[in-house]
Amino acid sequence: MKRLTRIFLFLSLAAGIAVAVMYRDRFDAQALEAWVQGAGAAGPLLFMAVYAIGTVLFLPGSVLTLAGGALFGPVLGTFYNLTGATVGAALAFLVARYLGADWVARKTGGRLKQLIQGVENEGWRFVAFVRLVPLFPFNLLNYALGLTRIPFWHYLLATWVCMLPGAIAYTYLGYAGREAVAGGEGLIQKILLALALLAAVAFLPRLIARLRQGPMLSIPELKEKLDGGEDLLVLDVRTAEDFIGEQGHIAQARNIPLEELPGRIDEILDWEEKPVVLVCRTDRRSAKAARILARNGFADVHVARGGMTDWNANGYPAE
């Protein structure tokens, strides 16, 4: 019976998504406004329901969010947008968990299993990170996270809180657009505020990446940790030629050149929750590598200040 229920739910969901994709060109802000205004006092509830269902069925969230700002203003619009998006994200998460989480847990292995385990270990912090720094499409990510073992309430709370900055910015943009069409007062100030909010949201990825980086380590501190046998990855991001060149390299170091790092992240996923210390000639390439790792979910990233130049200046052995 459970299997039949899952099959029915899957087919219904697939059919709903197919219909939504086929008719998405007919789904626009004007149509939504007509539905909401026609519902009278129940308009906000209808809007949130449409937003939630649209999230499940892969309808464009940008249209809904801008429409929410235009219909309800910046304050109520933000609340309705955020609530509808969160409810939709929760539904997609629960559907994916019901339909496929057990199967994924049984069938996955190798690098994919390591990736899923890394996401699960980071839990709500990973959810918060991808909500603040949208690396993947929102609708698809809701289903993908449902296939992990992240606790539902951790997912829900992190989603609601961390989508708030984007919801405020895009809701206000919808409101400012409506005011521009209507010729409301203080139009220039409203447009400037909308642009400032968008700029703040666009800056979030860089800010979050910096926050996820640990403090820089001096070379003596790194040497002390290595001598003490601490479990950490020394990642040298110089080119292969420099790694074995005149400056040499730290005996425990692993070499992945900076230019290759984005495509070779899966090789170091075992260290996603463990300390990673980045080394280069000084520390400029290491700082760039730290931002790449932070954007990919690594939780404890440090840059070795001065790199191999300071290592050699201190007289430490190099290979």
C-alpha atoms as a PDB file:
ATOM      1  CA  MET A   1       0.000   0.000   0.000  1.00  0.00           C
ATOM      2  CA  LYS A   2       2.841   2.369   0.892  1.00  0.00           C
ATOM      3  CA  ARG A   3       4.521   1.617  -2.414  1.00  0.00           C
ATOM      4  CA  LEU A   4       1.333   2.370  -4.344  1.00  0.00           C
ATOM      5  CA  THR A   5       0.927   5.614  -2.437  1.00  0.00           C
ATOM      6  CA  ARG A   6       4.455   6.640  -3.375  1.00  0.00           C
ATOM      7  CA  ILE A   7       3.911   5.758  -7.012  1.00  0.00           C
ATOM      8  CA  PHE A   8       0.659   7.745  -7.092  1.00  0.00           C
ATOM      9  CA  LEU A   9       2.290  10.727  -5.400  1.00  0.00           C
ATOM     10  CA  PHE A  10       5.266  10.622  -7.779  1.00  0.00           C
ATOM     11  CA  LEU A  11       3.070  10.426 -10.885  1.00  0.00           C
ATOM     12  CA  SER A  12       0.832  13.221  -9.615  1.00  0.00           C
ATOM     13  CA  LEU A  13       3.836  15.409  -8.894  1.00  0.00           C
ATOM     14  CA  ALA A  14       5.395  14.680 -12.288  1.00  0.00           C
ATOM     15  CA  ALA A  15       2.122  15.484 -14.035  1.00  0.00           C
ATOM     16  CA  GLY A  16       1.741  18.706 -12.056  1.00  0.00           C
ATOM     17  CA  ILE A  17       5.267  19.839 -12.911  1.00  0.00           C
ATOM     18  CA  ALA A  18       4.746  18.973 -16.583  1.00  0.00           C
ATOM     19  CA  VAL A  19       1.515  21.005 -16.739  1.00  0.00           C
ATOM     20  CA  ALA A  20       3.137  23.920 -14.894  1.00  0.00           C
ATOM     21  CA  VAL A  21       6.066  23.943 -17.316  1.00  0.00           C
ATOM     22  CA  MET A  22       3.756  23.748 -20.355  1.00  0.00           C
ATOM     23  CA  TYR A  23       1.615  26.665 -19.215  1.00  0.00           C
ATOM     24  CA  ARG A  24       4.183  28.759 -17.398  1.00  0.00           C
ATOM     25  CA  ASP A  25       4.034  31.420 -20.136  1.00  0.00           C
ATOM     26  CA  ARG A  26       0.448  32.114 -19.099  1.00  0.00           C
ATOM     27  CA  PHE A  27       1.488  32.570 -15.495  1.00  0.00           C
ATOM     28  CA  ASP A  28       2.363  36.209 -15.010  1.00  0.00           C
ATOM     29  CA  ALA A  29       1.925  39.017 -12.509  1.00  0.00           C
ATOM     30  CA  GLN A  30      -1.270  40.286 -14.119  1.00  0.00           C
ATOM     31  CA  ALA A  31      -2.977  36.914 -13.919  1.00  0.00           C
ATOM     32  CA  LEU A  32      -1.916  36.508 -10.300  1.00  0.00           C
ATOM     33  CA  GLU A  33      -3.160  39.991  -9.423  1.00  0.00           C
ATOM     34  CA  ALA A  34      -6.567  39.198 -10.937  1.00  0.00           C
ATOM     35  CA  TRP A  35      -6.843  35.988  -8.894  1.00  0.00           C
ATOM     36  CA  VAL A  36      -5.858  37.683  -5.650  1.00  0.00           C
ATOM     37  CA  GLN A  37      -8.132  40.684  -6.095  1.00  0.00           C
ATOM     38  CA  GLY A  38     -11.002  38.401  -7.046  1.00  0.00           C
ATOM     39  CA  ALA A  39     -10.585  36.504  -3.766  1.00  0.00           C
ATOM     40  CA  GLY A  40     -11.312  39.589  -1.663  1.00  0.00           C
ATOM     41  CA  ALA A  41     -10.320  39.237   2.000  1.00  0.00           C
ATOM     42  CA  ALA A  42      -8.926  35.782   1.318  1.00  0.00           C
ATOM     43  CA  GLY A  43      -6.498  37.231  -1.226  1.00  0.00           C
ATOM     44  CA  PRO A  44      -3.386  36.966   0.976  1.00  0.00           C
ATOM     45  CA  LEU A  45      -4.165  33.332   1.797  1.00  0.00           C
ATOM     46  CA  LEU A  46      -4.693  32.557  -1.876  1.00  0.00           C
ATOM     47  CA  PHE A  47      -1.430  34.295  -2.759  1.00  0.00           C
ATOM     48  CA  MET A  48       0.555  32.294  -0.183  1.00  0.00           C
ATOM     49  CA  ALA A  49      -1.080  29.065  -1.361  1.00  0.00           C
ATOM     50  CA  VAL A  50      -0.218  29.840  -4.987  1.00  0.00           C
ATOM     51  CA  TYR A  51       3.354  30.666  -3.957  1.00  0.00           C
ATOM     52  CA  ALA A  52       3.694  27.399  -2.039  1.00  0.00           C
ATOM     53  CA  ILE A  53       2.247  25.280  -4.851  1.00  0.00           C
ATOM     54  CA  GLY A  54       4.308  27.172  -7.417  1.00  0.00           C
ATOM     55  CA  THR A  55       7.455  26.356  -5.461  1.00  0.00           C
ATOM     56  CA  VAL A  56       6.595  22.660  -5.503  1.00  0.00           C
ATOM     57  CA  LEU A  57       5.812  22.753  -9.226  1.00  0.00           C
ATOM     58  CA  PHE A  58       8.905  24.756 -10.279  1.00  0.00           C
ATOM     59  CA  LEU A  59       7.073  27.963 -11.193  1.00  0.00           C
ATOM     60  CA  PRO A  60       9.357  31.030 -11.315  1.00  0.00           C
ATOM     61  CA  GLY A  61       9.674  32.436  -7.808  1.00  0.00           C
ATOM     62  CA  SER A  62      10.881  35.804  -9.067  1.00  0.00           C
ATOM     63  CA  VAL A  63       7.480  36.528 -10.655  1.00  0.00           C
ATOM     64  CA  LEU A  64       5.721  35.635  -7.409  1.00  0.00           C
ATOM     65  CA  THR A  65       8.031  37.679  -5.207  1.00  0.00           C
ATOM     66  CA  LEU A  66       7.835  40.801  -7.350  1.00  0.00           C
ATOM     67  CA  ALA A  67       4.059  40.402  -7.539  1.00  0.00           C
ATOM     68  CA  GLY A  68       3.859  40.119  -3.757  1.00  0.00           C
ATOM     69  CA  GLY A  69       5.630  43.434  -3.368  1.00  0.00           C
ATOM     70  CA  ALA A  70       3.420  45.101  -5.957  1.00  0.00           C
ATOM     71  CA  LEU A  71       0.188  43.730  -4.468  1.00  0.00           C
ATOM     72  CA  PHE A  72       0.789  44.036  -0.731  1.00  0.00           C
ATOM     73  CA  GLY A  73       3.587  46.562  -0.256  1.00  0.00           C
ATOM     74  CA  PRO A  74       7.064  46.070   1.232  1.00  0.00           C
ATOM     75  CA  VAL A  75       6.076  44.901   4.734  1.00  0.00           C
ATOM     76  CA  LEU A  76       3.099  42.594   4.243  1.00  0.00           C
ATOM     77  CA  GLY A  77       4.477  41.596   0.847  1.00  0.00           C
ATOM     78  CA  THR A  78       7.696  40.389   2.463  1.00  0.00           C
ATOM     79  CA  PHE A  79       5.751  38.401   5.050  1.00  0.00           C
ATOM     80  CA  TYR A  80       3.461  36.780   2.467  1.00  0.00           C
ATOM     81  CA  ASN A  81       6.335  36.063   0.071  1.00  0.00           C
ATOM     82  CA  LEU A  82       8.535  34.573   2.756  1.00  0.00           C
ATOM     83  CA  THR A  83       5.736  32.491   4.234  1.00  0.00           C
ATOM     84  CA  GLY A  84       4.614  31.146   0.863  1.00  0.00           C
ATOM     85  CA  ALA A  85       8.161  30.333  -0.194  1.00  0.00           C
ATOM     86  CA  THR A  86       8.945  28.623   3.114  1.00  0.00           C
ATOM     87  CA  VAL A  87       5.762  26.532   3.051  1.00  0.00           C
ATOM     88  CA  GLY A  88       6.514  25.505  -0.538  1.00  0.00           C
ATOM     89  CA  ALA A  89      10.110  24.656   0.353  1.00  0.00           C
ATOM     90  CA  ALA A  90       8.891  22.560   3.270  1.00  0.00           C
ATOM     91  CA  LEU A  91       6.400  20.672   1.090  1.00  0.00           C
ATOM     92  CA  ALA A  92       9.019  19.910  -1.567  1.00  0.00           C
ATOM     93  CA  PHE A  93      11.455  18.773   1.145  1.00  0.00           C
ATOM     94  CA  LEU A  94       8.886  16.431   2.717  1.00  0.00           C
ATOM     95  CA  VAL A  95       7.790  15.012  -0.634  1.00  0.00           C
ATOM     96  CA  ALA A  96      11.387  14.243  -1.600  1.00  0.00           C
ATOM     97  CA  ARG A  97      12.073  12.676   1.787  1.00  0.00           C
ATOM     98  CA  TYR A  98       8.961  10.504   1.587  1.00  0.00           C
ATOM     99  CA  LEU A  99       9.583   9.419  -1.978  1.00  0.00           C
ATOM    100  CA  GLY A 100      13.312   8.966  -2.174  1.00  0.00           C
ATOM    101  CA  ALA A 101      15.374   9.466   0.982  1.00  0.00           C
ATOM    102  CA  ASP A 102      15.464   5.762   1.934  1.00  0.00           C
ATOM    103  CA  TRP A 103      16.339   4.735  -1.622  1.00  0.00           C
ATOM    104  CA  VAL A 104      19.144   7.309  -1.818  1.00  0.00           C
ATOM    105  CA  ALA A 105      20.538   6.161   1.541  1.00  0.00           C
ATOM    106  CA  ARG A 106      20.656   2.547   0.283  1.00  0.00           C
ATOM    107  CA  LYS A 107      21.953   3.138  -3.222  1.00  0.00           C
ATOM    108  CA  THR A 108      24.479   5.947  -3.000  1.00  0.00           C
ATOM    109  CA  GLY A 109      28.162   5.305  -2.508  1.00  0.00           C
ATOM    110  CA  GLY A 110      31.594   6.690  -3.227  1.00  0.00           C
ATOM    111  CA  ARG A 111      31.964  10.418  -3.744  1.00  0.00           C
ATOM    112  CA  LEU A 112      28.224  11.069  -3.849  1.00  0.00           C
ATOM    113  CA  LYS A 113      27.795   9.428  -0.458  1.00  0.00           C
ATOM    114  CA  GLN A 114      30.645  11.512   0.931  1.00  0.00           C
ATOM    115  CA  LEU A 115      29.017  14.651  -0.442  1.00  0.00           C
ATOM    116  CA  ILE A 116      25.662  13.808   1.146  1.00  0.00           C
ATOM    117  CA  GLN A 117      27.324  12.986   4.462  1.00  0.00           C
ATOM    118  CA  GLY A 118      29.179  16.291   4.376  1.00  0.00           C
ATOM    119  CA  VAL A 119      25.895  18.141   3.862  1.00  0.00           C
ATOM    120  CA  GLU A 120      24.232  16.167   6.668  1.00  0.00           C
ATOM    121  CA  ASN A 121      27.115  16.807   9.059  1.00  0.00           C
ATOM    122  CA  GLU A 122      26.879  20.533   8.506  1.00  0.00           C
ATOM    123  CA  GLY A 123      23.090  20.406   8.838  1.00  0.00           C
ATOM    124  CA  TRP A 124      21.341  23.732   9.321  1.00  0.00           C
ATOM    125  CA  ARG A 125      24.586  25.602   8.626  1.00  0.00           C
ATOM    126  CA  PHE A 126      24.614  24.224   5.092  1.00  0.00           C
ATOM    127  CA  VAL A 127      20.952  25.187   4.618  1.00  0.00           C
ATOM    128  CA  ALA A 128      21.680  28.694   5.903  1.00  0.00           C
ATOM    129  CA  PHE A 129      24.672  28.996   3.597  1.00  0.00           C
ATOM    130  CA  VAL A 130      22.841  27.990   0.406  1.00  0.00           C
ATOM    131  CA  ARG A 131      19.853  30.197   1.265  1.00  0.00           C
ATOM    132  CA  LEU A 132      22.077  33.224   1.766  1.00  0.00           C
ATOM    133  CA  VAL A 133      24.338  32.287  -1.145  1.00  0.00           C
ATOM    134  CA  PRO A 134      22.060  30.695  -3.767  1.00  0.00           C
ATOM    135  CA  LEU A 135      24.448  28.297  -5.517  1.00  0.00           C
ATOM    136  CA  PHE A 136      21.685  26.153  -6.958  1.00  0.00           C
ATOM    137  CA  PRO A 137      18.145  26.807  -8.239  1.00  0.00           C
ATOM    138  CA  PHE A 138      15.829  27.304  -5.258  1.00  0.00           C
ATOM    139  CA  ASN A 139      13.104  24.887  -6.339  1.00  0.00           C
ATOM    140  CA  LEU A 140      15.512  22.085  -7.190  1.00  0.00           C
ATOM    141  CA  LEU A 141      17.494  22.564  -3.981  1.00  0.00           C
ATOM    142  CA  ASN A 142      14.365  22.017  -1.868  1.00  0.00           C
ATOM    143  CA  TYR A 143      13.965  18.527  -3.288  1.00  0.00           C
ATOM    144  CA  ALA A 144      17.692  17.757  -3.117  1.00  0.00           C
ATOM    145  CA  LEU A 145      17.888  18.619   0.580  1.00  0.00           C
ATOM    146  CA  GLY A 146      14.888  16.376   1.243  1.00  0.00           C
ATOM    147  CA  LEU A 147      16.995  13.421   0.118  1.00  0.00           C
ATOM    148  CA  THR A 148      19.441  14.036   2.976  1.00  0.00           C
ATOM    149  CA  ARG A 149      18.986  13.347   6.694  1.00  0.00           C
ATOM    150  CA  ILE A 150      19.014  16.993   7.727  1.00  0.00           C
ATOM    151  CA  PRO A 151      16.356  17.393  10.476  1.00  0.00           C
ATOM    152  CA  PHE A 152      13.188  18.928   9.081  1.00  0.00           C
ATOM    153  CA  TRP A 153      12.826  21.644  11.720  1.00  0.00           C
ATOM    154  CA  HIS A 154      16.459  22.698  11.295  1.00  0.00           C
ATOM    155  CA  TYR A 155      15.838  22.953   7.550  1.00  0.00           C
ATOM    156  CA  LEU A 156      12.606  24.906   8.014  1.00  0.00           C
ATOM    157  CA  LEU A 157      13.966  27.470  10.465  1.00  0.00           C
ATOM    158  CA  ALA A 158      17.210  28.046   8.540  1.00  0.00           C
ATOM    159  CA  THR A 159      15.214  28.446   5.335  1.00  0.00           C
ATOM    160  CA  TRP A 160      12.827  31.019   6.803  1.00  0.00           C
ATOM    161  CA  VAL A 161      15.482  33.108   8.525  1.00  0.00           C
ATOM    162  CA  CYS A 162      18.107  33.042   5.794  1.00  0.00           C
ATOM    163  CA  MET A 163      15.760  33.767   2.904  1.00  0.00           C
ATOM    164  CA  LEU A 164      14.655  36.957   4.666  1.00  0.00           C
ATOM    165  CA  PRO A 165      17.313  39.308   3.172  1.00  0.00           C
ATOM    166  CA  GLY A 166      16.497  38.272  -0.390  1.00  0.00           C
ATOM    167  CA  ALA A 167      12.754  38.392   0.286  1.00  0.00           C
ATOM    168  CA  ILE A 168      13.017  41.963   1.581  1.00  0.00           C
ATOM    169  CA  ALA A 169      15.088  43.106  -1.403  1.00  0.00           C
ATOM    170  CA  TYR A 170      12.981  41.561  -4.160  1.00  0.00           C
ATOM    171  CA  THR A 171       9.678  42.403  -2.502  1.00  0.00           C
ATOM    172  CA  TYR A 172      10.706  46.031  -2.263  1.00  0.00           C
ATOM    173  CA  LEU A 173      11.774  45.941  -5.897  1.00  0.00           C
ATOM    174  CA  GLY A 174       8.285  44.784  -6.850  1.00  0.00           C
ATOM    175  CA  TYR A 175       6.775  47.531  -4.728  1.00  0.00           C
ATOM    176  CA  ALA A 176       9.054  50.173  -6.271  1.00  0.00           C
ATOM    177  CA  GLY A 177       8.164  48.948  -9.754  1.00  0.00           C
ATOM    178  CA  ARG A 178       4.462  49.281  -8.982  1.00  0.00           C
ATOM    179  CA  GLU A 179       5.030  52.799  -7.641  1.00  0.00           C
ATOM    180  CA  ALA A 180       6.986  53.708 -10.760  1.00  0.00           C
ATOM    181  CA  VAL A 181       4.083  52.666 -12.962  1.00  0.00           C
ATOM    182  CA  ALA A 182       1.577  54.499 -10.769  1.00  0.00           C
ATOM    183  CA  GLY A 183       3.753  57.613 -10.446  1.00  0.00           C
ATOM    184  CA  GLY A 184       3.775  57.574  -6.627  1.00  0.00           C
ATOM    185  CA  GLU A 185       5.521  60.139  -4.433  1.00  0.00           C
ATOM    186  CA  GLY A 186       9.194  59.814  -3.531  1.00  0.00           C
ATOM    187  CA  LEU A 187       9.771  57.613  -6.564  1.00  0.00           C
ATOM    188  CA  ILE A 188      13.505  58.271  -6.883  1.00  0.00           C
ATOM    189  CA  GLN A 189      14.146  57.477  -3.215  1.00  0.00           C
ATOM    190  CA  LYS A 190      12.191  54.230  -3.477  1.00  0.00           C
ATOM    191  CA  ILE A 191      14.076  53.131  -6.586  1.00  0.00           C
ATOM    192  CA  LEU A 192      17.418  53.979  -4.965  1.00  0.00           C
ATOM    193  CA  LEU A 193      16.463  52.014  -1.861  1.00  0.00           C
ATOM    194  CA  ALA A 194      15.450  49.031  -3.994  1.00  0.00           C
ATOM    195  CA  LEU A 195      18.800  49.137  -5.792  1.00  0.00           C
ATOM    196  CA  ALA A 196      20.648  49.419  -2.473  1.00  0.00           C
ATOM    197  CA  LEU A 197      18.847  46.358  -1.115  1.00  0.00           C
ATOM    198  CA  LEU A 198      19.681  44.386  -4.260  1.00  0.00           C
ATOM    199  CA  ALA A 199      23.320  45.433  -3.971  1.00  0.00           C
ATOM    200  CA  ALA A 200      23.372  44.260  -0.348  1.00  0.00           C
ATOM    201  CA  VAL A 201      21.974  40.867  -1.347  1.00  0.00           C
ATOM    202  CA  ALA A 202      24.504  40.606  -4.179  1.00  0.00           C
ATOM    203  CA  PHE A 203      27.294  41.291  -1.669  1.00  0.00           C
ATOM    204  CA  LEU A 204      26.156  38.500   0.667  1.00  0.00           C
ATOM    205  CA  PRO A 205      28.092  35.682  -1.092  1.00  0.00           C
ATOM    206  CA  ARG A 206      31.381  37.508  -0.561  1.00  0.00           C
ATOM    207  CA  LEU A 207      30.492  38.370   3.040  1.00  0.00           C
ATOM    208  CA  ILE A 208      29.444  34.824   3.908  1.00  0.00           C
ATOM    209  CA  ALA A 209      32.550  33.402   2.282  1.00  0.00           C
ATOM    210  CA  ARG A 210      34.694  35.674   4.457  1.00  0.00           C
ATOM    211  CA  LEU A 211      32.781  34.744   7.609  1.00  0.00           C
ATOM    212  CA  ARG A 212      33.291  31.065   6.886  1.00  0.00           C
ATOM    213  CA  GLN A 213      37.064  31.497   6.720  1.00  0.00           C
ATOM    214  CA  GLY A 214      38.940  30.905   9.930  1.00  0.00           C
ATOM    215  CA  PRO A 215      41.649  33.273  11.156  1.00  0.00           C
ATOM    216  CA  MET A 216      44.985  33.261   9.371  1.00  0.00           C
ATOM    217  CA  LEU A 217      47.685  31.066  10.854  1.00  0.00           C
ATOM    218  CA  SER A 218      51.255  32.175  11.250  1.00  0.00           C
ATOM    219  CA  ILE A 219      53.855  29.745   9.976  1.00  0.00           C
ATOM    220  CA  PRO A 220      55.117  28.975  13.522  1.00  0.00           C
ATOM    221  CA  GLU A 221      51.525  28.181  14.544  1.00  0.00           C
ATOM    222  CA  LEU A 222      51.155  25.834  11.576  1.00  0.00           C
ATOM    223  CA  LYS A 223      54.471  24.134  12.414  1.00  0.00           C
ATOM    224  CA  GLU A 224      53.358  23.658  16.008  1.00  0.00           C
ATOM    225  CA  LYS A 225      50.097  22.047  14.911  1.00  0.00           C
ATOM    226  CA  LEU A 226      51.901  19.697  12.533  1.00  0.00           C
ATOM    227  CA  ASP A 227      54.469  18.732  15.149  1.00  0.00           C
ATOM    228  CA  GLY A 228      51.629  18.088  17.585  1.00  0.00           C
ATOM    229  CA  GLY A 229      50.025  15.642  15.182  1.00  0.00           C
ATOM    230  CA  GLU A 230      46.786  17.603  14.718  1.00  0.00           C
ATOM    231  CA  ASP A 231      44.397  16.205  12.139  1.00  0.00           C
ATOM    232  CA  LEU A 232      44.440  18.860   9.413  1.00  0.00           C
ATOM    233  CA  LEU A 233      44.907  19.106   5.671  1.00  0.00           C
ATOM    234  CA  VAL A 234      47.752  21.266   4.392  1.00  0.00           C
ATOM    235  CA  LEU A 235      46.673  22.197   0.883  1.00  0.00           C
ATOM    236  CA  ASP A 236      49.335  23.786  -1.306  1.00  0.00           C
ATOM    237  CA  VAL A 237      47.660  25.728  -4.139  1.00  0.00           C
ATOM    238  CA  ARG A 238      50.763  26.630  -6.129  1.00  0.00           C
ATOM    239  CA  THR A 239      51.346  25.158  -9.549  1.00  0.00           C
ATOM    240  CA  ALA A 240      52.834  21.678  -9.768  1.00  0.00           C
ATOM    241  CA  GLU A 241      56.115  23.192 -10.956  1.00  0.00           C
ATOM    242  CA  ASP A 242      56.324  25.539  -7.960  1.00  0.00           C
ATOM    243  CA  PHE A 243      55.341  22.724  -5.590  1.00  0.00           C
ATOM    244  CA  ILE A 244      58.540  20.848  -6.435  1.00  0.00           C
ATOM    245  CA  GLY A 245      60.536  23.954  -7.327  1.00  0.00           C
ATOM    246  CA  GLU A 246      63.101  26.081  -5.538  1.00  0.00           C
ATOM    247  CA  GLN A 247      61.037  26.779  -2.413  1.00  0.00           C
ATOM    248  CA  GLY A 248      60.041  23.147  -2.012  1.00  0.00           C
ATOM    249  CA  HIS A 249      56.945  22.157  -0.051  1.00  0.00           C
ATOM    250  CA  ILE A 250      55.817  21.058   3.395  1.00  0.00           C
ATOM    251  CA  ALA A 251      56.172  17.301   3.767  1.00  0.00           C
ATOM    252  CA  GLN A 252      52.543  16.772   4.758  1.00  0.00           C
ATOM    253  CA  ALA A 253      51.151  19.054   2.030  1.00  0.00           C
ATOM    254  CA  ARG A 254      48.849  18.020  -0.771  1.00  0.00           C
ATOM    255  CA  ASN A 255      49.085  19.916  -4.041  1.00  0.00           C
ATOM    256  CA  ILE A 256      46.019  21.127  -5.949  1.00  0.00           C
ATOM    257  CA  PRO A 257      46.772  24.248  -8.019  1.00  0.00           C
ATOM    258  CA  LEU A 258      44.409  27.161  -7.496  1.00  0.00           C
ATOM    259  CA  GLU A 259      43.285  27.071 -11.140  1.00  0.00           C
ATOM    260  CA  GLU A 260      42.240  23.422 -10.787  1.00  0.00           C
ATOM    261  CA  LEU A 261      40.655  23.664  -7.340  1.00  0.00           C
ATOM    262  CA  PRO A 262      37.009  24.327  -8.387  1.00  0.00           C
ATOM    263  CA  GLY A 263      37.005  21.185 -10.547  1.00  0.00           C
ATOM    264  CA  ARG A 264      38.742  19.002  -7.959  1.00  0.00           C
ATOM    265  CA  ILE A 265      36.714  19.839  -4.842  1.00  0.00           C
ATOM    266  CA  ASP A 266      35.398  16.270  -4.692  1.00  0.00           C
ATOM    267  CA  GLU A 267      38.952  15.039  -4.003  1.00  0.00           C
ATOM    268  CA  ILE A 268      39.005  16.726  -0.586  1.00  0.00           C
ATOM    269  CA  LEU A 269      35.383  16.357   0.533  1.00  0.00           C
ATOM    270  CA  ASP A 270      36.559  14.255   3.475  1.00  0.00           C
ATOM    271  CA  TRP A 271      37.915  17.517   4.914  1.00  0.00           C
ATOM    272  CA  GLU A 272      34.718  19.535   4.592  1.00  0.00           C
ATOM    273  CA  GLU A 273      34.233  19.576   8.375  1.00  0.00           C
ATOM    274  CA  LYS A 274      37.919  19.381   9.348  1.00  0.00           C
ATOM    275  CA  PRO A 275      40.641  22.046   9.448  1.00  0.00           C
ATOM    276  CA  VAL A 276      42.161  22.951   6.094  1.00  0.00           C
ATOM    277  CA  VAL A 277      45.271  25.144   5.968  1.00  0.00           C
ATOM    278  CA  LEU A 278      46.088  26.721   2.619  1.00  0.00           C
ATOM    279  CA  VAL A 279      49.659  27.389   1.570  1.00  0.00           C
ATOM    280  CA  CYS A 280      51.198  29.161  -1.435  1.00  0.00           C
ATOM    281  CA  ARG A 281      54.327  31.230  -2.048  1.00  0.00           C
ATOM    282  CA  THR A 282      53.061  34.056   0.210  1.00  0.00           C
ATOM    283  CA  ASP A 283      49.332  34.047   0.906  1.00  0.00           C
ATOM    284  CA  ARG A 284      47.602  35.744  -2.052  1.00  0.00           C
ATOM    285  CA  ARG A 285      46.672  32.574  -3.927  1.00  0.00           C
ATOM    286  CA  SER A 286      45.744  30.949  -0.627  1.00  0.00           C
ATOM    287  CA  ALA A 287      43.243  33.724   0.108  1.00  0.00           C
ATOM    288  CA  LYS A 288      41.539  33.128  -3.252  1.00  0.00           C
ATOM    289  CA  ALA A 289      41.481  29.381  -2.585  1.00  0.00           C
ATOM    290  CA  ALA A 290      39.937  30.015   0.850  1.00  0.00           C
ATOM    291  CA  ARG A 291      37.031  31.851  -0.754  1.00  0.00           C
ATOM    292  CA  ILE A 292      36.481  28.961  -3.177  1.00  0.00           C
ATOM    293  CA  LEU A 293      36.402  26.409  -0.361  1.00  0.00           C
ATOM    294  CA  ALA A 294      34.091  28.579   1.749  1.00  0.00           C
ATOM    295  CA  ARG A 295      31.640  28.899  -1.134  1.00  0.00           C
ATOM    296  CA  ASN A 296      31.668  25.109  -1.448  1.00  0.00           C
ATOM    297  CA  GLY A 297      30.723  24.508   2.172  1.00  0.00           C
ATOM    298  CA  PHE A 298      34.090  23.917   3.866  1.00  0.00           C
ATOM    299  CA  ALA A 299      33.621  24.935   7.474  1.00  0.00           C
ATOM    300  CA  ASP A 300      37.137  25.407   8.904  1.00  0.00           C
ATOM    301  CA  VAL A 301      39.473  27.046   6.385  1.00  0.00           C
ATOM    302  CA  HIS A 302      42.689  28.884   7.296  1.00  0.00           C
ATOM    303  CA  VAL A 303      45.346  30.690   5.278  1.00  0.00           C
ATOM    304  CA  ALA A 304      48.996  30.245   6.271  1.00  0.00           C
ATOM    305  CA  ARG A 305      50.300  33.811   6.527  1.00  0.00           C
ATOM    306  CA  GLY A 306      53.464  34.269   4.494  1.00  0.00           C
ATOM    307  CA  GLY A 307      53.263  30.803   2.932  1.00  0.00           C
ATOM    308  CA  MET A 308      56.417  28.963   1.872  1.00  0.00           C
ATOM    309  CA  THR A 309      58.402  32.214   1.940  1.00  0.00           C
ATOM    310  CA  ASP A 310      57.963  32.451   5.722  1.00  0.00           C
ATOM    311  CA  TRP A 311      58.308  28.682   6.124  1.00  0.00           C
ATOM    312  CA  ASN A 312      61.765  28.785   4.570  1.00  0.00           C
ATOM    313  CA  ALA A 313      62.685  32.028   6.360  1.00  0.00           C
ATOM    314  CA  ASN A 314      62.053  30.257   9.675  1.00  0.00           C
ATOM    315  CA  GLY A 315      64.434  27.479   8.658  1.00  0.00           C
ATOM    316  CA  TYR A 316      61.810  24.743   8.694  1.00  0.00           C
ATOM    317  CA  PRO A 317      62.514  21.649   6.543  1.00  0.00           C
ATOM    318  CA  ALA A 318      60.994  21.521   3.057  1.00  0.00           C
ATOM    319  CA  GLU A 319      60.988  18.754   0.497  1.00  0.00           C
END
